[in-house]
PDB file of N, CA and C in Angstrom:
ATOM      1  N   UNK A   1     -12.431  28.909  -7.133  1.00  0.00           N
ATOM      2  CA  UNK A   1     -12.313  29.322  -5.302  1.00  0.00           C
ATOM      3  C   UNK A   1     -11.630  29.967  -5.989  1.00  0.00           C
ATOM      4  N   UNK A   2     -11.795  31.389  -5.047  1.00  0.00           N
ATOM      5  CA  UNK A   2     -10.823  32.648  -4.810  1.00  0.00           C
ATOM      6  C   UNK A   2      -9.680  33.103  -4.083  1.00  0.00           C
ATOM      7  N   UNK A   3      -9.297  33.212  -3.531  1.00  0.00           N
ATOM      8  CA  UNK A   3      -7.581  33.029  -2.581  1.00  0.00           C
ATOM      9  C   UNK A   3      -8.198  34.147  -1.456  1.00  0.00           C
ATOM     10  N   UNK A   4      -9.799  34.515  -1.232  1.00  0.00           N
ATOM     11  CA  UNK A   4     -10.602  35.532  -0.207  1.00  0.00           C
ATOM     12  C   UNK A   4     -11.406  34.717  -0.261  1.00  0.00           C
ATOM     13  N   UNK A   5     -11.818  32.873  -1.007  1.00  0.00           N
ATOM     14  CA  UNK A   5     -13.113  32.374  -0.527  1.00  0.00           C
ATOM     15  C   UNK A   5     -12.190  31.535   0.544  1.00  0.00           C
ATOM     16  N   UNK A   6     -13.232  31.680   1.901  1.00  0.00           N
ATOM     17  CA  UNK A   6     -13.329  30.875   3.203  1.00  0.00           C
ATOM     18  C   UNK A   6     -13.400  29.381   2.534  1.00  0.00           C
ATOM     19  N   UNK A   7     -12.037  29.207   3.336  1.00  0.00           N
ATOM     20  CA  UNK A   7     -11.892  27.357   3.071  1.00  0.00           C
ATOM     21  C   UNK A   7     -12.696  26.987   4.308  1.00  0.00           C
ATOM     22  N   UNK A   8     -13.382  25.522   3.702  1.00  0.00           N
ATOM     23  CA  UNK A   8     -13.311  24.309   4.477  1.00  0.00           C
ATOM     24  C   UNK A   8     -12.181  23.965   6.419  1.00  0.00           C
ATOM     25  N   UNK A   9     -12.874  23.647   7.382  1.00  0.00           N
ATOM     26  CA  UNK A   9     -12.206  23.087   8.496  1.00  0.00           C
ATOM     27  C   UNK A   9     -11.025  22.020   7.707  1.00  0.00           C
ATOM     28  N   UNK A  10     -10.572  21.560   8.537  1.00  0.00           N
ATOM     29  CA  UNK A  10      -9.567  20.650   8.430  1.00  0.00           C
ATOM     30  C   UNK A  10     -10.178  19.531   7.267  1.00  0.00           C
ATOM     31  N   UNK A  11      -8.772  19.571   7.258  1.00  0.00           N
ATOM     32  CA  UNK A  11      -7.276  18.967   7.014  1.00  0.00           C
ATOM     33  C   UNK A  11      -6.779  20.257   5.614  1.00  0.00           C
ATOM     34  N   UNK A  12      -7.967  20.677   5.576  1.00  0.00           N
ATOM     35  CA  UNK A  12      -7.068  21.992   4.328  1.00  0.00           C
ATOM     36  C   UNK A  12      -6.242  23.193   5.306  1.00  0.00           C
ATOM     37  N   UNK A  13      -5.018  23.409   4.754  1.00  0.00           N
ATOM     38  CA  UNK A  13      -4.980  24.536   4.743  1.00  0.00           C
ATOM     39  C   UNK A  13      -4.558  25.927   4.776  1.00  0.00           C
ATOM     40  N   UNK A  14      -4.978  27.302   4.546  1.00  0.00           N
ATOM     41  CA  UNK A  14      -5.231  27.951   5.077  1.00  0.00           C
ATOM     42  C   UNK A  14      -4.458  28.404   2.799  1.00  0.00           C
ATOM     43  N   UNK A  15      -5.037  28.789   2.646  1.00  0.00           N
ATOM     44  CA  UNK A  15      -4.095  29.298   0.814  1.00  0.00           C
ATOM     45  C   UNK A  15      -3.177  29.812   0.939  1.00  0.00           C
ATOM     46  N   UNK A  16      -2.826  30.613   1.559  1.00  0.00           N
ATOM     47  CA  UNK A  16      -1.538  32.033   2.256  1.00  0.00           C
ATOM     48  C   UNK A  16      -0.580  30.959   2.898  1.00  0.00           C
ATOM     49  N   UNK A  17      -0.816  29.957   2.928  1.00  0.00           N
ATOM     50  CA  UNK A  17       0.746  28.947   3.489  1.00  0.00           C
ATOM     51  C   UNK A  17       1.337  28.735   2.492  1.00  0.00           C
ATOM     52  N   UNK A  18       2.512  29.005   2.981  1.00  0.00           N
ATOM     53  CA  UNK A  18       3.821  29.242   2.392  1.00  0.00           C
ATOM     54  C   UNK A  18       4.474  27.413   1.808  1.00  0.00           C
ATOM     55  N   UNK A  19       3.837  26.829   2.035  1.00  0.00           N
ATOM     56  CA  UNK A  19       4.531  25.581   2.352  1.00  0.00           C
ATOM     57  C   UNK A  19       3.658  25.378   1.241  1.00  0.00           C
ATOM     58  N   UNK A  20       1.821  25.744   1.092  1.00  0.00           N
ATOM     59  CA  UNK A  20       1.003  24.471   0.325  1.00  0.00           C
ATOM     60  C   UNK A  20       1.692  25.432  -1.113  1.00  0.00           C
ATOM     61  N   UNK A  21       2.287  26.674  -1.466  1.00  0.00           N
ATOM     62  CA  UNK A  21       2.708  27.551  -2.408  1.00  0.00           C
ATOM     63  C   UNK A  21       3.921  26.717  -2.881  1.00  0.00           C
ATOM     64  N   UNK A  22       4.542  25.889  -2.013  1.00  0.00           N
ATOM     65  CA  UNK A  22       5.957  24.932  -2.893  1.00  0.00           C
ATOM     66  C   UNK A  22       5.386  23.711  -3.348  1.00  0.00           C
ATOM     67  N   UNK A  23       4.623  23.301  -2.743  1.00  0.00           N
ATOM     68  CA  UNK A  23       3.558  21.445  -3.079  1.00  0.00           C
ATOM     69  C   UNK A  23       2.841  22.405  -4.283  1.00  0.00           C
ATOM     70  N   UNK A  24       1.999  22.657  -4.580  1.00  0.00           N
ATOM     71  CA  UNK A  24       1.700  23.219  -6.329  1.00  0.00           C
ATOM     72  C   UNK A  24       2.530  23.318  -6.941  1.00  0.00           C
ATOM     73  N   UNK A  25       3.433  25.098  -6.648  1.00  0.00           N
ATOM     74  CA  UNK A  25       4.395  24.521  -7.204  1.00  0.00           C
ATOM     75  C   UNK A  25       5.578  24.098  -8.046  1.00  0.00           C
ATOM     76  N   UNK A  26       5.592  22.787  -7.225  1.00  0.00           N
ATOM     77  CA  UNK A  26       6.040  21.190  -7.745  1.00  0.00           C
ATOM     78  C   UNK A  26       5.752  20.346  -9.023  1.00  0.00           C
ATOM     79  N   UNK A  27       4.134  20.661  -7.984  1.00  0.00           N
ATOM     80  CA  UNK A  27       4.030  19.882  -8.875  1.00  0.00           C
ATOM     81  C   UNK A  27       3.221  19.401 -10.063  1.00  0.00           C
ATOM     82  N   UNK A  28       3.178  21.247 -10.248  1.00  0.00           N
ATOM     83  CA  UNK A  28       2.883  22.114 -11.892  1.00  0.00           C
ATOM     84  C   UNK A  28       4.202  22.121 -12.537  1.00  0.00           C
ATOM     85  N   UNK A  29       5.412  21.694 -12.073  1.00  0.00           N
ATOM     86  CA  UNK A  29       7.089  22.133 -12.285  1.00  0.00           C
ATOM     87  C   UNK A  29       7.507  20.485 -12.877  1.00  0.00           C
ATOM     88  N   UNK A  30       6.216  19.115 -12.325  1.00  0.00           N
ATOM     89  CA  UNK A  30       6.675  18.070 -12.467  1.00  0.00           C
ATOM     90  C   UNK A  30       6.194  17.820 -13.622  1.00  0.00           C
ATOM     91  N   UNK A  31       5.284  18.340 -13.234  1.00  0.00           N
ATOM     92  CA  UNK A  31       4.714  17.251 -15.231  1.00  0.00           C
ATOM     93  C   UNK A  31       4.738  18.538 -15.868  1.00  0.00           C
ATOM     94  N   UNK A  32       5.209  19.896 -16.309  1.00  0.00           N
ATOM     95  CA  UNK A  32       5.687  20.619 -17.509  1.00  0.00           C
ATOM     96  C   UNK A  32       7.165  20.162 -17.497  1.00  0.00           C
ATOM     97  N   UNK A  33       7.915  19.820 -17.318  1.00  0.00           N
ATOM     98  CA  UNK A  33       8.935  18.293 -17.059  1.00  0.00           C
ATOM     99  C   UNK A  33       9.076  17.355 -17.250  1.00  0.00           C
ATOM    100  N   UNK A  34       7.735  16.260 -17.402  1.00  0.00           N
ATOM    101  CA  UNK A  34       7.474  15.397 -17.357  1.00  0.00           C
ATOM    102  C   UNK A  34       8.038  14.108 -16.406  1.00  0.00           C
ATOM    103  N   UNK A  35       8.909  14.701 -15.406  1.00  0.00           N
ATOM    104  CA  UNK A  35       8.876  13.787 -14.437  1.00  0.00           C
ATOM    105  C   UNK A  35       7.509  13.480 -14.099  1.00  0.00           C
ATOM    106  N   UNK A  36       6.171  13.866 -13.575  1.00  0.00           N
ATOM    107  CA  UNK A  36       5.309  12.578 -13.542  1.00  0.00           C
ATOM    108  C   UNK A  36       3.634  13.362 -14.060  1.00  0.00           C
ATOM    109  N   UNK A  37       3.541  12.559 -14.405  1.00  0.00           N
ATOM    110  CA  UNK A  37       1.390  12.706 -15.316  1.00  0.00           C
ATOM    111  C   UNK A  37       0.692  13.216 -14.610  1.00  0.00           C
ATOM    112  N   UNK A  38       0.107  13.646 -15.030  1.00  0.00           N
ATOM    113  CA  UNK A  38      -0.843  15.126 -14.464  1.00  0.00           C
ATOM    114  C   UNK A  38      -1.623  14.385 -13.155  1.00  0.00           C
ATOM    115  N   UNK A  39      -2.112  12.962 -13.616  1.00  0.00           N
ATOM    116  CA  UNK A  39      -2.939  11.928 -12.138  1.00  0.00           C
ATOM    117  C   UNK A  39      -1.241  11.836 -10.783  1.00  0.00           C
ATOM    118  N   UNK A  40      -0.390  11.895 -11.537  1.00  0.00           N
ATOM    119  CA  UNK A  40       0.819  11.506  -9.320  1.00  0.00           C
ATOM    120  C   UNK A  40       0.724  13.217  -9.785  1.00  0.00           C
ATOM    121  N   UNK A  41       0.347  13.881 -10.620  1.00  0.00           N
ATOM    122  CA  UNK A  41       0.939  15.412  -9.199  1.00  0.00           C
ATOM    123  C   UNK A  41      -0.003  15.473  -8.652  1.00  0.00           C
ATOM    124  N   UNK A  42      -1.197  15.487  -9.088  1.00  0.00           N
ATOM    125  CA  UNK A  42      -2.862  16.334  -7.960  1.00  0.00           C
ATOM    126  C   UNK A  42      -2.410  14.927  -7.338  1.00  0.00           C
ATOM    127  N   UNK A  43      -2.358  13.578  -7.294  1.00  0.00           N
ATOM    128  CA  UNK A  43      -2.131  12.977  -5.516  1.00  0.00           C
ATOM    129  C   UNK A  43      -0.764  13.274  -5.039  1.00  0.00           C
ATOM    130  N   UNK A  44       0.016  13.451  -5.686  1.00  0.00           N
ATOM    131  CA  UNK A  44       1.289  13.832  -4.700  1.00  0.00           C
ATOM    132  C   UNK A  44       0.530  15.091  -4.145  1.00  0.00           C
ATOM    133  N   UNK A  45       0.414  16.408  -4.515  1.00  0.00           N
ATOM    134  CA  UNK A  45      -0.212  17.437  -4.361  1.00  0.00           C
ATOM    135  C   UNK A  45      -1.409  17.484  -3.442  1.00  0.00           C
ATOM    136  N   UNK A  46      -1.867  16.039  -3.895  1.00  0.00           N
ATOM    137  CA  UNK A  46      -3.818  16.033  -2.439  1.00  0.00           C
ATOM    138  C   UNK A  46      -3.139  15.371  -1.344  1.00  0.00           C
ATOM    139  N   UNK A  47      -1.886  14.450  -1.658  1.00  0.00           N
ATOM    140  CA  UNK A  47      -1.644  14.565   0.312  1.00  0.00           C
ATOM    141  C   UNK A  47      -0.543  15.315   0.953  1.00  0.00           C
ATOM    142  N   UNK A  48       0.527  15.753   0.703  1.00  0.00           N
ATOM    143  CA  UNK A  48       0.773  16.885   1.141  1.00  0.00           C
ATOM    144  C   UNK A  48       0.529  17.614   1.505  1.00  0.00           C
ATOM    145  N   UNK A  49      -0.117  18.136   0.652  1.00  0.00           N
ATOM    146  CA  UNK A  49      -1.415  19.364   0.935  1.00  0.00           C
ATOM    147  C   UNK A  49      -2.459  19.348   1.901  1.00  0.00           C
ATOM    148  N   UNK A  50      -3.321  17.705   1.919  1.00  0.00           N
ATOM    149  CA  UNK A  50      -3.947  17.600   3.518  1.00  0.00           C
ATOM    150  C   UNK A  50      -3.019  16.869   4.677  1.00  0.00           C
ATOM    151  N   UNK A  51      -1.623  17.082   4.981  1.00  0.00           N
ATOM    152  CA  UNK A  51      -1.221  16.549   6.116  1.00  0.00           C
ATOM    153  C   UNK A  51      -0.557  18.116   6.515  1.00  0.00           C
ATOM    154  N   UNK A  52      -0.351  18.695   5.150  1.00  0.00           N
ATOM    155  CA  UNK A  52       0.533  20.966   5.444  1.00  0.00           C
ATOM    156  C   UNK A  52      -1.442  21.205   6.278  1.00  0.00           C
ATOM    157  N   UNK A  53      -2.164  20.577   5.471  1.00  0.00           N
ATOM    158  CA  UNK A  53      -3.802  21.055   7.090  1.00  0.00           C
ATOM    159  C   UNK A  53      -3.652  20.738   8.099  1.00  0.00           C
ATOM    160  N   UNK A  54      -2.870  19.469   8.128  1.00  0.00           N
ATOM    161  CA  UNK A  54      -2.165  18.356   9.694  1.00  0.00           C
ATOM    162  C   UNK A  54      -1.666  19.130  10.482  1.00  0.00           C
ATOM    163  N   UNK A  55      -0.674  19.531   9.896  1.00  0.00           N
ATOM    164  CA  UNK A  55       0.871  20.192  10.465  1.00  0.00           C
ATOM    165  C   UNK A  55      -0.635  22.152  11.192  1.00  0.00           C
ATOM    166  N   UNK A  56      -0.437  22.629   9.944  1.00  0.00           N
ATOM    167  CA  UNK A  56      -1.451  23.944  10.526  1.00  0.00           C
ATOM    168  C   UNK A  56      -2.163  23.805  11.447  1.00  0.00           C
ATOM    169  N   UNK A  57      -3.474  22.799  11.516  1.00  0.00           N
ATOM    170  CA  UNK A  57      -3.858  23.003  12.402  1.00  0.00           C
ATOM    171  C   UNK A  57      -3.440  21.931  14.012  1.00  0.00           C
ATOM    172  N   UNK A  58      -2.333  21.694  13.568  1.00  0.00           N
ATOM    173  CA  UNK A  58      -1.698  21.432  15.237  1.00  0.00           C
ATOM    174  C   UNK A  58      -0.979  22.718  15.716  1.00  0.00           C
ATOM    175  N   UNK A  59      -0.599  23.160  14.936  1.00  0.00           N
ATOM    176  CA  UNK A  59       0.352  25.052  15.482  1.00  0.00           C
ATOM    177  C   UNK A  59      -0.752  25.439  15.678  1.00  0.00           C
ATOM    178  N   UNK A  60      -1.916  25.539  14.836  1.00  0.00           N
ATOM    179  CA  UNK A  60      -3.214  26.414  15.647  1.00  0.00           C
ATOM    180  C   UNK A  60      -3.744  25.862  17.204  1.00  0.00           C
ATOM    181  N   UNK A  61      -3.814  25.016  17.198  1.00  0.00           N
ATOM    182  CA  UNK A  61      -4.867  24.236  18.370  1.00  0.00           C
ATOM    183  C   UNK A  61      -4.126  22.872  18.773  1.00  0.00           C
ATOM    184  N   UNK A  62      -3.095  23.059  18.743  1.00  0.00           N
ATOM    185  CA  UNK A  62      -2.723  21.641  19.392  1.00  0.00           C
ATOM    186  C   UNK A  62      -3.441  21.021  20.523  1.00  0.00           C
ATOM    187  N   UNK A  63      -2.942  19.938  20.884  1.00  0.00           N
ATOM    188  CA  UNK A  63      -3.433  19.052  21.825  1.00  0.00           C
ATOM    189  C   UNK A  63      -5.059  19.168  21.048  1.00  0.00           C
ATOM    190  N   UNK A  64      -6.482  19.334  19.561  1.00  0.00           N
ATOM    191  CA  UNK A  64      -6.660  18.751  19.290  1.00  0.00           C
ATOM    192  C   UNK A  64      -7.358  17.997  18.686  1.00  0.00           C
ATOM    193  N   UNK A  65      -8.289  16.973  17.733  1.00  0.00           N
ATOM    194  CA  UNK A  65      -8.419  16.663  16.575  1.00  0.00           C
ATOM    195  C   UNK A  65      -8.292  17.086  15.557  1.00  0.00           C
ATOM    196  N   UNK A  66      -8.823  18.046  15.827  1.00  0.00           N
ATOM    197  CA  UNK A  66      -9.354  19.329  14.299  1.00  0.00           C
ATOM    198  C   UNK A  66      -9.570  20.181  14.855  1.00  0.00           C
ATOM    199  N   UNK A  67     -10.079  20.905  13.779  1.00  0.00           N
ATOM    200  CA  UNK A  67     -10.480  22.657  13.513  1.00  0.00           C
ATOM    201  C   UNK A  67     -11.467  22.681  13.357  1.00  0.00           C
ATOM    202  N   UNK A  68     -12.453  23.569  13.958  1.00  0.00           N
ATOM    203  CA  UNK A  68     -13.433  23.476  13.860  1.00  0.00           C
ATOM    204  C   UNK A  68     -14.273  23.941  15.212  1.00  0.00           C
ATOM    205  N   UNK A  69     -15.741  24.277  14.379  1.00  0.00           N
ATOM    206  CA  UNK A  69     -16.029  24.658  16.664  1.00  0.00           C
ATOM    207  C   UNK A  69     -17.105  24.208  17.257  1.00  0.00           C
ATOM    208  N   UNK A  70     -16.222  22.550  16.375  1.00  0.00           N
ATOM    209  CA  UNK A  70     -17.152  21.223  17.632  1.00  0.00           C
ATOM    210  C   UNK A  70     -15.785  21.121  18.461  1.00  0.00           C
ATOM    211  N   UNK A  71     -16.218  21.247  20.292  1.00  0.00           N
ATOM    212  CA  UNK A  71     -15.257  20.525  20.960  1.00  0.00           C
ATOM    213  C   UNK A  71     -14.348  19.963  20.234  1.00  0.00           C
ATOM    214  N   UNK A  72     -13.400  19.052  21.388  1.00  0.00           N
ATOM    215  CA  UNK A  72     -12.745  17.637  20.652  1.00  0.00           C
ATOM    216  C   UNK A  72     -13.878  16.989  21.231  1.00  0.00           C
ATOM    217  N   UNK A  73     -13.473  15.191  20.711  1.00  0.00           N
ATOM    218  CA  UNK A  73     -14.914  14.703  21.139  1.00  0.00           C
ATOM    219  C   UNK A  73     -16.288  14.427  21.350  1.00  0.00           C
ATOM    220  N   UNK A  74     -16.452  15.864  20.533  1.00  0.00           N
ATOM    221  CA  UNK A  74     -18.340  16.254  20.850  1.00  0.00           C
ATOM    222  C   UNK A  74     -18.160  15.188  19.552  1.00  0.00           C
ATOM    223  N   UNK A  75     -19.488  14.739  19.246  1.00  0.00           N
ATOM    224  CA  UNK A  75     -20.282  14.740  18.414  1.00  0.00           C
ATOM    225  C   UNK A  75     -20.617  15.158  16.798  1.00  0.00           C
ATOM    226  N   UNK A  76     -20.161  14.688  15.947  1.00  0.00           N
ATOM    227  CA  UNK A  76     -20.074  15.088  14.129  1.00  0.00           C
ATOM    228  C   UNK A  76     -20.945  15.229  13.615  1.00  0.00           C
ATOM    229  N   UNK A  77     -22.504  16.120  13.087  1.00  0.00           N
ATOM    230  CA  UNK A  77     -23.454  15.718  13.382  1.00  0.00           C
ATOM    231  C   UNK A  77     -24.361  14.369  13.277  1.00  0.00           C
TER     232      UNK A  77
END
């Protein structure tokens, strides 16, 4: 996936999100320094990246359960 690729709806933050950049950079550094295994760094980045997507979604749509084309409380699929 390239930085210009369309990202799916939540809980994914935008590719240009500054906090996401810090999370990914921290994960890479923790592996390089031996502070974490690759698996631990991936888990940490995934959890915190998901949360950052949630926060970004709340900022963009206060009161919404999720970002995307469906109205709140509508049937999904």
